[in-house]
Amino acid sequence: PPATRDEELSRLQVDEEWADAVERRIATAGPDMSQAEVRESIYVHRYGCGDTEAFRQLLLNGREFSEVRDALGKAGHSCVHESGALLLVRPSHVDAVLNAARRQELRPYH
């Protein structure tokens, strides 16, 4: 018989790979980039397959994004937008991201 994959495990794997890719991208960006130097696109990802609350808690409390969350907090920002969406960006990028976010309807699953 052909091999089968557990759909739940596949969804979790995709979520994990996405989080790893975001972490690598954050780690390779220079820590001293000013807002004026932000020239990248802003991506709004919707997560909604599998255990979304566990994934959200991982983003909010896991070690993978602790440096980002800590930096935001030290700069007086929250990683949770008023809509409930999560903002995992460098503090110097917050204004640009919030400005871009005004053109979209953010939800807690973003």
PDB file of N, CA and C in Angstrom:
ATOM      1  N   PRO A   1       0.837  -1.194   0.000  1.00  0.00           N
ATOM      2  CA  PRO A   1       0.000   0.000   0.000  1.00  0.00           C
ATOM      3  C   PRO A   1       0.885   1.262   0.000  1.00  0.00           C
ATOM      4  N   PRO A   2       0.401   2.355  -0.573  1.00  0.00           N
ATOM      5  CA  PRO A   2       1.172   3.590  -0.585  1.00  0.00           C
ATOM      6  C   PRO A   2       1.305   4.168   0.828  1.00  0.00           C
ATOM      7  N   ALA A   3       2.352   4.927   1.021  1.00  0.00           N
ATOM      8  CA  ALA A   3       2.572   5.573   2.314  1.00  0.00           C
ATOM      9  C   ALA A   3       1.514   6.646   2.542  1.00  0.00           C
ATOM     10  N   THR A   4       1.146   6.863   3.793  1.00  0.00           N
ATOM     11  CA  THR A   4       0.185   7.908   4.134  1.00  0.00           C
ATOM     12  C   THR A   4       0.818   8.834   5.158  1.00  0.00           C
ATOM     13  N   ARG A   5       0.348  10.062   5.171  1.00  0.00           N
ATOM     14  CA  ARG A   5       0.835  11.050   6.129  1.00  0.00           C
ATOM     15  C   ARG A   5      -0.328  11.494   6.999  1.00  0.00           C
ATOM     16  N   ASP A   6      -0.050  11.630   8.245  1.00  0.00           N
ATOM     17  CA  ASP A   6      -1.038  12.138   9.185  1.00  0.00           C
ATOM     18  C   ASP A   6      -1.255  13.622   8.894  1.00  0.00           C
ATOM     19  N   GLU A   7      -2.501  14.020   8.607  1.00  0.00           N
ATOM     20  CA  GLU A   7      -2.784  15.405   8.228  1.00  0.00           C
ATOM     21  C   GLU A   7      -2.454  16.381   9.343  1.00  0.00           C
ATOM     22  N   GLU A   8      -2.772  16.033  10.558  1.00  0.00           N
ATOM     23  CA  GLU A   8      -2.471  16.916  11.699  1.00  0.00           C
ATOM     24  C   GLU A   8      -0.965  17.108  11.833  1.00  0.00           C
ATOM     25  N   LEU A   9      -0.209  16.039  11.719  1.00  0.00           N
ATOM     26  CA  LEU A   9       1.242  16.126  11.799  1.00  0.00           C
ATOM     27  C   LEU A   9       1.790  16.965  10.646  1.00  0.00           C
ATOM     28  N   SER A  10       1.225  16.820   9.474  1.00  0.00           N
ATOM     29  CA  SER A  10       1.652  17.615   8.318  1.00  0.00           C
ATOM     30  C   SER A  10       1.403  19.097   8.552  1.00  0.00           C
ATOM     31  N   ARG A  11       0.252  19.442   9.115  1.00  0.00           N
ATOM     32  CA  ARG A  11      -0.052  20.852   9.397  1.00  0.00           C
ATOM     33  C   ARG A  11       0.920  21.411  10.433  1.00  0.00           C
ATOM     34  N   LEU A  12       1.188  20.641  11.469  1.00  0.00           N
ATOM     35  CA  LEU A  12       2.125  21.097  12.497  1.00  0.00           C
ATOM     36  C   LEU A  12       3.525  21.277  11.917  1.00  0.00           C
ATOM     37  N   GLN A  13       3.913  20.386  11.036  1.00  0.00           N
ATOM     38  CA  GLN A  13       5.221  20.486  10.399  1.00  0.00           C
ATOM     39  C   GLN A  13       5.312  21.753   9.547  1.00  0.00           C
ATOM     40  N   VAL A  14       4.275  22.064   8.802  1.00  0.00           N
ATOM     41  CA  VAL A  14       4.257  23.276   7.986  1.00  0.00           C
ATOM     42  C   VAL A  14       4.359  24.503   8.889  1.00  0.00           C
ATOM     43  N   ASP A  15       3.597  24.528   9.981  1.00  0.00           N
ATOM     44  CA  ASP A  15       3.663  25.653  10.916  1.00  0.00           C
ATOM     45  C   ASP A  15       5.064  25.800  11.498  1.00  0.00           C
ATOM     46  N   GLU A  16       5.670  24.698  11.884  1.00  0.00           N
ATOM     47  CA  GLU A  16       7.021  24.712  12.455  1.00  0.00           C
ATOM     48  C   GLU A  16       8.041  25.205  11.430  1.00  0.00           C
ATOM     49  N   GLU A  17       7.933  24.738  10.199  1.00  0.00           N
ATOM     50  CA  GLU A  17       8.861  25.174   9.154  1.00  0.00           C
ATOM     51  C   GLU A  17       8.706  26.660   8.879  1.00  0.00           C
ATOM     52  N   TRP A  18       7.476  27.151   8.884  1.00  0.00           N
ATOM     53  CA  TRP A  18       7.245  28.576   8.675  1.00  0.00           C
ATOM     54  C   TRP A  18       7.888  29.384   9.805  1.00  0.00           C
ATOM     55  N   ALA A  19       7.673  28.968  11.059  1.00  0.00           N
ATOM     56  CA  ALA A  19       8.254  29.673  12.200  1.00  0.00           C
ATOM     57  C   ALA A  19       9.778  29.639  12.138  1.00  0.00           C
ATOM     58  N   ASP A  20      10.356  28.514  11.751  1.00  0.00           N
ATOM     59  CA  ASP A  20      11.814  28.418  11.602  1.00  0.00           C
ATOM     60  C   ASP A  20      12.324  29.381  10.536  1.00  0.00           C
ATOM     61  N   ALA A  21      11.610  29.482   9.429  1.00  0.00           N
ATOM     62  CA  ALA A  21      12.017  30.383   8.353  1.00  0.00           C
ATOM     63  C   ALA A  21      11.950  31.836   8.813  1.00  0.00           C
ATOM     64  N   VAL A  22      10.910  32.190   9.555  1.00  0.00           N
ATOM     65  CA  VAL A  22      10.791  33.553  10.078  1.00  0.00           C
ATOM     66  C   VAL A  22      11.932  33.838  11.049  1.00  0.00           C
ATOM     67  N   GLU A  23      12.221  32.885  11.911  1.00  0.00           N
ATOM     68  CA  GLU A  23      13.307  33.065  12.877  1.00  0.00           C
ATOM     69  C   GLU A  23      14.647  33.256  12.169  1.00  0.00           C
ATOM     70  N   ARG A  24      14.918  32.463  11.139  1.00  0.00           N
ATOM     71  CA  ARG A  24      16.169  32.607  10.383  1.00  0.00           C
ATOM     72  C   ARG A  24      16.245  33.977   9.719  1.00  0.00           C
ATOM     73  N   ARG A  25      15.126  34.412   9.191  1.00  0.00           N
ATOM     74  CA  ARG A  25      15.105  35.714   8.517  1.00  0.00           C
ATOM     75  C   ARG A  25      15.357  36.847   9.508  1.00  0.00           C
ATOM     76  N   ILE A  26      14.766  36.748  10.676  1.00  0.00           N
ATOM     77  CA  ILE A  26      14.982  37.754  11.715  1.00  0.00           C
ATOM     78  C   ILE A  26      16.436  37.751  12.154  1.00  0.00           C
ATOM     79  N   ALA A  27      16.997  36.560  12.323  1.00  0.00           N
ATOM     80  CA  ALA A  27      18.372  36.439  12.790  1.00  0.00           C
ATOM     81  C   ALA A  27      19.388  36.977  11.790  1.00  0.00           C
ATOM     82  N   THR A  28      19.080  36.908  10.500  1.00  0.00           N
ATOM     83  CA  THR A  28      20.045  37.354   9.494  1.00  0.00           C
ATOM     84  C   THR A  28      19.917  38.834   9.166  1.00  0.00           C
ATOM     85  N   ALA A  29      18.838  39.471   9.601  1.00  0.00           N
ATOM     86  CA  ALA A  29      18.694  40.911   9.368  1.00  0.00           C
ATOM     87  C   ALA A  29      19.562  41.649  10.373  1.00  0.00           C
ATOM     88  N   GLY A  30      20.167  42.709   9.951  1.00  0.00           N
ATOM     89  CA  GLY A  30      21.018  43.497  10.846  1.00  0.00           C
ATOM     90  C   GLY A  30      20.224  44.110  11.972  1.00  0.00           C
ATOM     91  N   PRO A  31      20.745  44.079  13.204  1.00  0.00           N
ATOM     92  CA  PRO A  31      20.009  44.596  14.350  1.00  0.00           C
ATOM     93  C   PRO A  31      19.908  46.115  14.374  1.00  0.00           C
ATOM     94  N   ASP A  32      20.712  46.798  13.563  1.00  0.00           N
ATOM     95  CA  ASP A  32      20.728  48.248  13.630  1.00  0.00           C
ATOM     96  C   ASP A  32      20.043  48.916  12.438  1.00  0.00           C
ATOM     97  N   MET A  33      19.133  48.192  11.792  1.00  0.00           N
ATOM     98  CA  MET A  33      18.411  48.782  10.667  1.00  0.00           C
ATOM     99  C   MET A  33      17.432  49.828  11.177  1.00  0.00           C
ATOM    100  N   SER A  34      17.438  51.008  10.593  1.00  0.00           N
ATOM    101  CA  SER A  34      16.489  52.037  10.987  1.00  0.00           C
ATOM    102  C   SER A  34      15.214  51.870  10.168  1.00  0.00           C
ATOM    103  N   GLN A  35      14.173  52.565  10.590  1.00  0.00           N
ATOM    104  CA  GLN A  35      12.903  52.471   9.873  1.00  0.00           C
ATOM    105  C   GLN A  35      13.064  52.919   8.429  1.00  0.00           C
ATOM    106  N   ALA A  36      13.924  53.914   8.202  1.00  0.00           N
ATOM    107  CA  ALA A  36      14.123  54.407   6.844  1.00  0.00           C
ATOM    108  C   ALA A  36      14.735  53.342   5.943  1.00  0.00           C
ATOM    109  N   GLU A  37      15.415  52.364   6.534  1.00  0.00           N
ATOM    110  CA  GLU A  37      16.066  51.325   5.745  1.00  0.00           C
ATOM    111  C   GLU A  37      15.158  50.147   5.455  1.00  0.00           C
ATOM    112  N   VAL A  38      13.961  50.148   6.002  1.00  0.00           N
ATOM    113  CA  VAL A  38      13.038  49.039   5.786  1.00  0.00           C
ATOM    114  C   VAL A  38      12.521  49.117   4.354  1.00  0.00           C
ATOM    115  N   ARG A  39      12.898  48.144   3.556  1.00  0.00           N
ATOM    116  CA  ARG A  39      12.485  48.134   2.159  1.00  0.00           C
ATOM    117  C   ARG A  39      11.848  46.789   1.801  1.00  0.00           C
ATOM    118  N   GLU A  40      11.577  46.007   2.785  1.00  0.00           N
ATOM    119  CA  GLU A  40      11.011  44.690   2.534  1.00  0.00           C
ATOM    120  C   GLU A  40       9.497  44.763   2.527  1.00  0.00           C
ATOM    121  N   SER A  41       8.909  43.794   1.899  1.00  0.00           N
ATOM    122  CA  SER A  41       7.459  43.677   1.940  1.00  0.00           C
ATOM    123  C   SER A  41       7.040  43.209   3.320  1.00  0.00           C
ATOM    124  N   ILE A  42       5.842  43.552   3.683  1.00  0.00           N
ATOM    125  CA  ILE A  42       5.283  43.090   4.949  1.00  0.00           C
ATOM    126  C   ILE A  42       4.272  42.010   4.616  1.00  0.00           C
ATOM    127  N   TYR A  43       4.462  40.854   5.203  1.00  0.00           N
ATOM    128  CA  TYR A  43       3.595  39.716   4.930  1.00  0.00           C
ATOM    129  C   TYR A  43       2.683  39.481   6.118  1.00  0.00           C
ATOM    130  N   VAL A  44       1.424  39.307   5.841  1.00  0.00           N
ATOM    131  CA  VAL A  44       0.443  38.959   6.856  1.00  0.00           C
ATOM    132  C   VAL A  44       0.100  37.497   6.638  1.00  0.00           C
ATOM    133  N   HIS A  45       0.459  36.686   7.617  1.00  0.00           N
ATOM    134  CA  HIS A  45       0.199  35.250   7.518  1.00  0.00           C
ATOM    135  C   HIS A  45      -1.018  34.897   8.358  1.00  0.00           C
ATOM    136  N   ARG A  46      -1.843  34.072   7.795  1.00  0.00           N
ATOM    137  CA  ARG A  46      -2.998  33.565   8.523  1.00  0.00           C
ATOM    138  C   ARG A  46      -2.677  32.150   8.961  1.00  0.00           C
ATOM    139  N   TYR A  47      -2.795  31.913  10.239  1.00  0.00           N
ATOM    140  CA  TYR A  47      -2.626  30.548  10.706  1.00  0.00           C
ATOM    141  C   TYR A  47      -3.975  30.061  11.193  1.00  0.00           C
ATOM    142  N   GLY A  48      -4.319  28.848  10.806  1.00  0.00           N
ATOM    143  CA  GLY A  48      -5.638  28.388  11.155  1.00  0.00           C
ATOM    144  C   GLY A  48      -5.839  26.894  11.032  1.00  0.00           C
ATOM    145  N   CYS A  49      -4.776  26.157  10.790  1.00  0.00           N
ATOM    146  CA  CYS A  49      -4.949  24.708  10.719  1.00  0.00           C
ATOM    147  C   CYS A  49      -4.292  24.084  11.944  1.00  0.00           C
ATOM    148  N   GLY A  50      -4.800  22.987  12.372  1.00  0.00           N
ATOM    149  CA  GLY A  50      -4.240  22.328  13.541  1.00  0.00           C
ATOM    150  C   GLY A  50      -4.675  23.024  14.826  1.00  0.00           C
ATOM    151  N   ASP A  51      -3.850  22.929  15.824  1.00  0.00           N
ATOM    152  CA  ASP A  51      -4.133  23.513  17.136  1.00  0.00           C
ATOM    153  C   ASP A  51      -3.658  24.960  17.131  1.00  0.00           C
ATOM    154  N   THR A  52      -4.521  25.866  16.690  1.00  0.00           N
ATOM    155  CA  THR A  52      -4.121  27.261  16.529  1.00  0.00           C
ATOM    156  C   THR A  52      -3.782  27.928  17.858  1.00  0.00           C
ATOM    157  N   GLU A  53      -4.478  27.580  18.921  1.00  0.00           N
ATOM    158  CA  GLU A  53      -4.191  28.202  20.214  1.00  0.00           C
ATOM    159  C   GLU A  53      -2.818  27.776  20.722  1.00  0.00           C
ATOM    160  N   ALA A  54      -2.458  26.520  20.527  1.00  0.00           N
ATOM    161  CA  ALA A  54      -1.121  26.063  20.939  1.00  0.00           C
ATOM    162  C   ALA A  54      -0.047  26.768  20.118  1.00  0.00           C
ATOM    163  N   PHE A  55      -0.306  26.936  18.822  1.00  0.00           N
ATOM    164  CA  PHE A  55       0.658  27.634  17.962  1.00  0.00           C
ATOM    165  C   PHE A  55       0.784  29.088  18.395  1.00  0.00           C
ATOM    166  N   ARG A  56      -0.339  29.732  18.683  1.00  0.00           N
ATOM    167  CA  ARG A  56      -0.305  31.128  19.147  1.00  0.00           C
ATOM    168  C   ARG A  56       0.475  31.236  20.460  1.00  0.00           C
ATOM    169  N   GLN A  57       0.242  30.312  21.368  1.00  0.00           N
ATOM    170  CA  GLN A  57       0.958  30.334  22.644  1.00  0.00           C
ATOM    171  C   GLN A  57       2.458  30.110  22.443  1.00  0.00           C
ATOM    172  N   LEU A  58       2.806  29.290  21.475  1.00  0.00           N
ATOM    173  CA  LEU A  58       4.219  29.090  21.153  1.00  0.00           C
ATOM    174  C   LEU A  58       4.836  30.407  20.678  1.00  0.00           C
ATOM    175  N   LEU A  59       4.129  31.130  19.821  1.00  0.00           N
ATOM    176  CA  LEU A  59       4.636  32.418  19.342  1.00  0.00           C
ATOM    177  C   LEU A  59       4.716  33.439  20.475  1.00  0.00           C
ATOM    178  N   LEU A  60       3.748  33.412  21.389  1.00  0.00           N
ATOM    179  CA  LEU A  60       3.708  34.381  22.477  1.00  0.00           C
ATOM    180  C   LEU A  60       4.649  34.046  23.630  1.00  0.00           C
ATOM    181  N   ASN A  61       4.951  32.775  23.821  1.00  0.00           N
ATOM    182  CA  ASN A  61       5.707  32.372  25.007  1.00  0.00           C
ATOM    183  C   ASN A  61       6.925  31.514  24.728  1.00  0.00           C
ATOM    184  N   GLY A  62       7.052  31.002  23.519  1.00  0.00           N
ATOM    185  CA  GLY A  62       8.165  30.108  23.203  1.00  0.00           C
ATOM    186  C   GLY A  62       9.503  30.829  23.132  1.00  0.00           C
ATOM    187  N   ARG A  63      10.551  30.082  23.305  1.00  0.00           N
ATOM    188  CA  ARG A  63      11.906  30.660  23.289  1.00  0.00           C
ATOM    189  C   ARG A  63      12.298  31.163  21.907  1.00  0.00           C
ATOM    190  N   GLU A  64      11.679  30.621  20.854  1.00  0.00           N
ATOM    191  CA  GLU A  64      12.055  30.969  19.486  1.00  0.00           C
ATOM    192  C   GLU A  64      11.917  32.467  19.198  1.00  0.00           C
ATOM    193  N   PHE A  65      10.922  33.114  19.766  1.00  0.00           N
ATOM    194  CA  PHE A  65      10.703  34.536  19.511  1.00  0.00           C
ATOM    195  C   PHE A  65      10.905  35.385  20.765  1.00  0.00           C
ATOM    196  N   SER A  66      11.552  34.825  21.782  1.00  0.00           N
ATOM    197  CA  SER A  66      11.718  35.568  23.034  1.00  0.00           C
ATOM    198  C   SER A  66      12.527  36.847  22.843  1.00  0.00           C
ATOM    199  N   GLU A  67      13.564  36.809  22.021  1.00  0.00           N
ATOM    200  CA  GLU A  67      14.364  38.016  21.798  1.00  0.00           C
ATOM    201  C   GLU A  67      13.544  39.110  21.131  1.00  0.00           C
ATOM    202  N   VAL A  68      12.713  38.727  20.177  1.00  0.00           N
ATOM    203  CA  VAL A  68      11.870  39.703  19.486  1.00  0.00           C
ATOM    204  C   VAL A  68      10.857  40.301  20.463  1.00  0.00           C
ATOM    205  N   ARG A  69      10.198  39.445  21.237  1.00  0.00           N
ATOM    206  CA  ARG A  69       9.198  39.934  22.205  1.00  0.00           C
ATOM    207  C   ARG A  69       9.846  40.825  23.254  1.00  0.00           C
ATOM    208  N   ASP A  70      11.018  40.413  23.759  1.00  0.00           N
ATOM    209  CA  ASP A  70      11.723  41.207  24.770  1.00  0.00           C
ATOM    210  C   ASP A  70      12.129  42.571  24.220  1.00  0.00           C
ATOM    211  N   ALA A  71      12.640  42.599  23.001  1.00  0.00           N
ATOM    212  CA  ALA A  71      13.055  43.863  22.384  1.00  0.00           C
ATOM    213  C   ALA A  71      11.859  44.794  22.195  1.00  0.00           C
ATOM    214  N   LEU A  72      10.738  44.233  21.767  1.00  0.00           N
ATOM    215  CA  LEU A  72       9.527  45.046  21.614  1.00  0.00           C
ATOM    216  C   LEU A  72       9.099  45.620  22.960  1.00  0.00           C
ATOM    217  N   GLY A  73       9.103  44.790  23.988  1.00  0.00           N
ATOM    218  CA  GLY A  73       8.709  45.245  25.323  1.00  0.00           C
ATOM    219  C   GLY A  73       9.624  46.332  25.851  1.00  0.00           C
ATOM    220  N   LYS A  74      10.929  46.176  25.672  1.00  0.00           N
ATOM    221  CA  LYS A  74      11.883  47.189  26.134  1.00  0.00           C
ATOM    222  C   LYS A  74      11.691  48.512  25.402  1.00  0.00           C
ATOM    223  N   ALA A  75      11.212  48.441  24.163  1.00  0.00           N
ATOM    224  CA  ALA A  75      10.982  49.656  23.373  1.00  0.00           C
ATOM    225  C   ALA A  75       9.573  50.220  23.609  1.00  0.00           C
ATOM    226  N   GLY A  76       8.814  49.589  24.496  1.00  0.00           N
ATOM    227  CA  GLY A  76       7.483  50.091  24.815  1.00  0.00           C
ATOM    228  C   GLY A  76       6.383  49.626  23.884  1.00  0.00           C
ATOM    229  N   HIS A  77       6.650  48.560  23.154  1.00  0.00           N
ATOM    230  CA  HIS A  77       5.655  48.024  22.218  1.00  0.00           C
ATOM    231  C   HIS A  77       5.190  46.652  22.682  1.00  0.00           C
ATOM    232  N   SER A  78       4.020  46.276  22.243  1.00  0.00           N
ATOM    233  CA  SER A  78       3.494  44.937  22.490  1.00  0.00           C
ATOM    234  C   SER A  78       3.589  44.130  21.203  1.00  0.00           C
ATOM    235  N   CYS A  79       3.736  42.831  21.342  1.00  0.00           N
ATOM    236  CA  CYS A  79       3.729  41.987  20.152  1.00  0.00           C
ATOM    237  C   CYS A  79       2.300  41.612  19.759  1.00  0.00           C
ATOM    238  N   VAL A  80       1.329  42.054  20.546  1.00  0.00           N
ATOM    239  CA  VAL A  80      -0.074  41.795  20.233  1.00  0.00           C
ATOM    240  C   VAL A  80      -0.724  43.107  19.797  1.00  0.00           C
ATOM    241  N   HIS A  81      -1.162  43.150  18.558  1.00  0.00           N
ATOM    242  CA  HIS A  81      -1.845  44.316  17.988  1.00  0.00           C
ATOM    243  C   HIS A  81      -3.217  44.446  18.633  1.00  0.00           C
ATOM    244  N   GLU A  82      -3.801  45.635  18.590  1.00  0.00           N
ATOM    245  CA  GLU A  82      -5.130  45.848  19.174  1.00  0.00           C
ATOM    246  C   GLU A  82      -6.189  44.917  18.588  1.00  0.00           C
ATOM    247  N   SER A  83      -5.966  44.420  17.391  1.00  0.00           N
ATOM    248  CA  SER A  83      -6.885  43.483  16.748  1.00  0.00           C
ATOM    249  C   SER A  83      -6.733  42.061  17.271  1.00  0.00           C
ATOM    250  N   GLY A  84      -5.626  41.827  17.999  1.00  0.00           N
ATOM    251  CA  GLY A  84      -5.300  40.475  18.447  1.00  0.00           C
ATOM    252  C   GLY A  84      -4.254  39.810  17.574  1.00  0.00           C
ATOM    253  N   ALA A  85      -3.970  40.407  16.412  1.00  0.00           N
ATOM    254  CA  ALA A  85      -2.920  39.871  15.529  1.00  0.00           C
ATOM    255  C   ALA A  85      -1.570  39.994  16.231  1.00  0.00           C
ATOM    256  N   LEU A  86      -0.650  39.121  15.887  1.00  0.00           N
ATOM    257  CA  LEU A  86       0.682  39.153  16.484  1.00  0.00           C
ATOM    258  C   LEU A  86       1.642  39.899  15.574  1.00  0.00           C
ATOM    259  N   LEU A  87       2.443  40.770  16.165  1.00  0.00           N
ATOM    260  CA  LEU A  87       3.469  41.525  15.446  1.00  0.00           C
ATOM    261  C   LEU A  87       4.824  41.082  15.964  1.00  0.00           C
ATOM    262  N   LEU A  88       5.506  40.281  15.203  1.00  0.00           N
ATOM    263  CA  LEU A  88       6.827  39.800  15.600  1.00  0.00           C
ATOM    264  C   LEU A  88       7.844  40.446  14.667  1.00  0.00           C
ATOM    265  N   VAL A  89       8.174  41.693  14.987  1.00  0.00           N
ATOM    266  CA  VAL A  89       9.058  42.509  14.161  1.00  0.00           C
ATOM    267  C   VAL A  89      10.051  43.226  15.058  1.00  0.00           C
ATOM    268  N   ARG A  90      11.085  43.768  14.453  1.00  0.00           N
ATOM    269  CA  ARG A  90      12.047  44.577  15.208  1.00  0.00           C
ATOM    270  C   ARG A  90      11.366  45.873  15.663  1.00  0.00           C
ATOM    271  N   PRO A  91      11.726  46.363  16.836  1.00  0.00           N
ATOM    272  CA  PRO A  91      11.127  47.603  17.320  1.00  0.00           C
ATOM    273  C   PRO A  91      11.255  48.759  16.318  1.00  0.00           C
ATOM    274  N   SER A  92      12.349  48.813  15.599  1.00  0.00           N
ATOM    275  CA  SER A  92      12.547  49.895  14.637  1.00  0.00           C
ATOM    276  C   SER A  92      11.619  49.778  13.430  1.00  0.00           C
ATOM    277  N   HIS A  93      10.956  48.642  13.285  1.00  0.00           N
ATOM    278  CA  HIS A  93      10.053  48.426  12.156  1.00  0.00           C
ATOM    279  C   HIS A  93       8.584  48.581  12.535  1.00  0.00           C
ATOM    280  N   VAL A  94       8.304  48.768  13.818  1.00  0.00           N
ATOM    281  CA  VAL A  94       6.920  48.788  14.289  1.00  0.00           C
ATOM    282  C   VAL A  94       6.096  49.852  13.575  1.00  0.00           C
ATOM    283  N   ASP A  95       6.599  51.081  13.488  1.00  0.00           N
ATOM    284  CA  ASP A  95       5.821  52.147  12.868  1.00  0.00           C
ATOM    285  C   ASP A  95       5.487  51.832  11.411  1.00  0.00           C
ATOM    286  N   ALA A  96       6.465  51.314  10.668  1.00  0.00           N
ATOM    287  CA  ALA A  96       6.227  50.969   9.264  1.00  0.00           C
ATOM    288  C   ALA A  96       5.195  49.846   9.146  1.00  0.00           C
ATOM    289  N   VAL A  97       5.280  48.870  10.025  1.00  0.00           N
ATOM    290  CA  VAL A  97       4.342  47.744   9.994  1.00  0.00           C
ATOM    291  C   VAL A  97       2.939  48.213  10.367  1.00  0.00           C
ATOM    292  N   LEU A  98       2.831  49.025  11.415  1.00  0.00           N
ATOM    293  CA  LEU A  98       1.513  49.516  11.818  1.00  0.00           C
ATOM    294  C   LEU A  98       0.908  50.401  10.740  1.00  0.00           C
ATOM    295  N   ASN A  99       1.728  51.194  10.087  1.00  0.00           N
ATOM    296  CA  ASN A  99       1.244  52.031   8.992  1.00  0.00           C
ATOM    297  C   ASN A  99       0.697  51.155   7.859  1.00  0.00           C
ATOM    298  N   ALA A 100       1.432  50.122   7.491  1.00  0.00           N
ATOM    299  CA  ALA A 100       0.984  49.209   6.438  1.00  0.00           C
ATOM    300  C   ALA A 100      -0.254  48.430   6.880  1.00  0.00           C
ATOM    301  N   ALA A 101      -0.337  48.109   8.164  1.00  0.00           N
ATOM    302  CA  ALA A 101      -1.457  47.319   8.681  1.00  0.00           C
ATOM    303  C   ALA A 101      -2.774  48.091   8.628  1.00  0.00           C
ATOM    304  N   ARG A 102      -2.693  49.398   8.591  1.00  0.00           N
ATOM    305  CA  ARG A 102      -3.927  50.202   8.519  1.00  0.00           C
ATOM    306  C   ARG A 102      -4.708  49.927   7.234  1.00  0.00           C
ATOM    307  N   ARG A 103      -4.013  49.414   6.233  1.00  0.00           N
ATOM    308  CA  ARG A 103      -4.668  49.135   4.949  1.00  0.00           C
ATOM    309  C   ARG A 103      -5.280  47.740   4.909  1.00  0.00           C
ATOM    310  N   GLN A 104      -5.161  47.005   6.006  1.00  0.00           N
ATOM    311  CA  GLN A 104      -5.698  45.647   6.061  1.00  0.00           C
ATOM    312  C   GLN A 104      -6.554  45.494   7.294  1.00  0.00           C
ATOM    313  N   GLU A 105      -7.438  44.542   7.248  1.00  0.00           N
ATOM    314  CA  GLU A 105      -8.253  44.227   8.415  1.00  0.00           C
ATOM    315  C   GLU A 105      -7.602  43.046   9.122  1.00  0.00           C
ATOM    316  N   LEU A 106      -6.894  43.339  10.204  1.00  0.00           N
ATOM    317  CA  LEU A 106      -6.195  42.290  10.930  1.00  0.00           C
ATOM    318  C   LEU A 106      -7.145  41.595  11.907  1.00  0.00           C
ATOM    319  N   ARG A 107      -6.872  40.319  12.125  1.00  0.00           N
ATOM    320  CA  ARG A 107      -7.664  39.483  13.047  1.00  0.00           C
ATOM    321  C   ARG A 107      -6.703  38.718  13.959  1.00  0.00           C
ATOM    322  N   PRO A 108      -7.209  38.139  15.034  1.00  0.00           N
ATOM    323  CA  PRO A 108      -6.333  37.387  15.938  1.00  0.00           C
ATOM    324  C   PRO A 108      -5.622  36.206  15.289  1.00  0.00           C
ATOM    325  N   TYR A 109      -6.113  35.711  14.156  1.00  0.00           N
ATOM    326  CA  TYR A 109      -5.448  34.583  13.490  1.00  0.00           C
ATOM    327  C   TYR A 109      -4.332  35.041  12.570  1.00  0.00           C
ATOM    328  N   HIS A 110      -4.023  36.329  12.541  1.00  0.00           N
ATOM    329  CA  HIS A 110      -2.892  36.834  11.767  1.00  0.00           C
ATOM    330  C   HIS A 110      -1.676  36.939  12.664  1.00  0.00           C
TER     331      HIS A 110
END
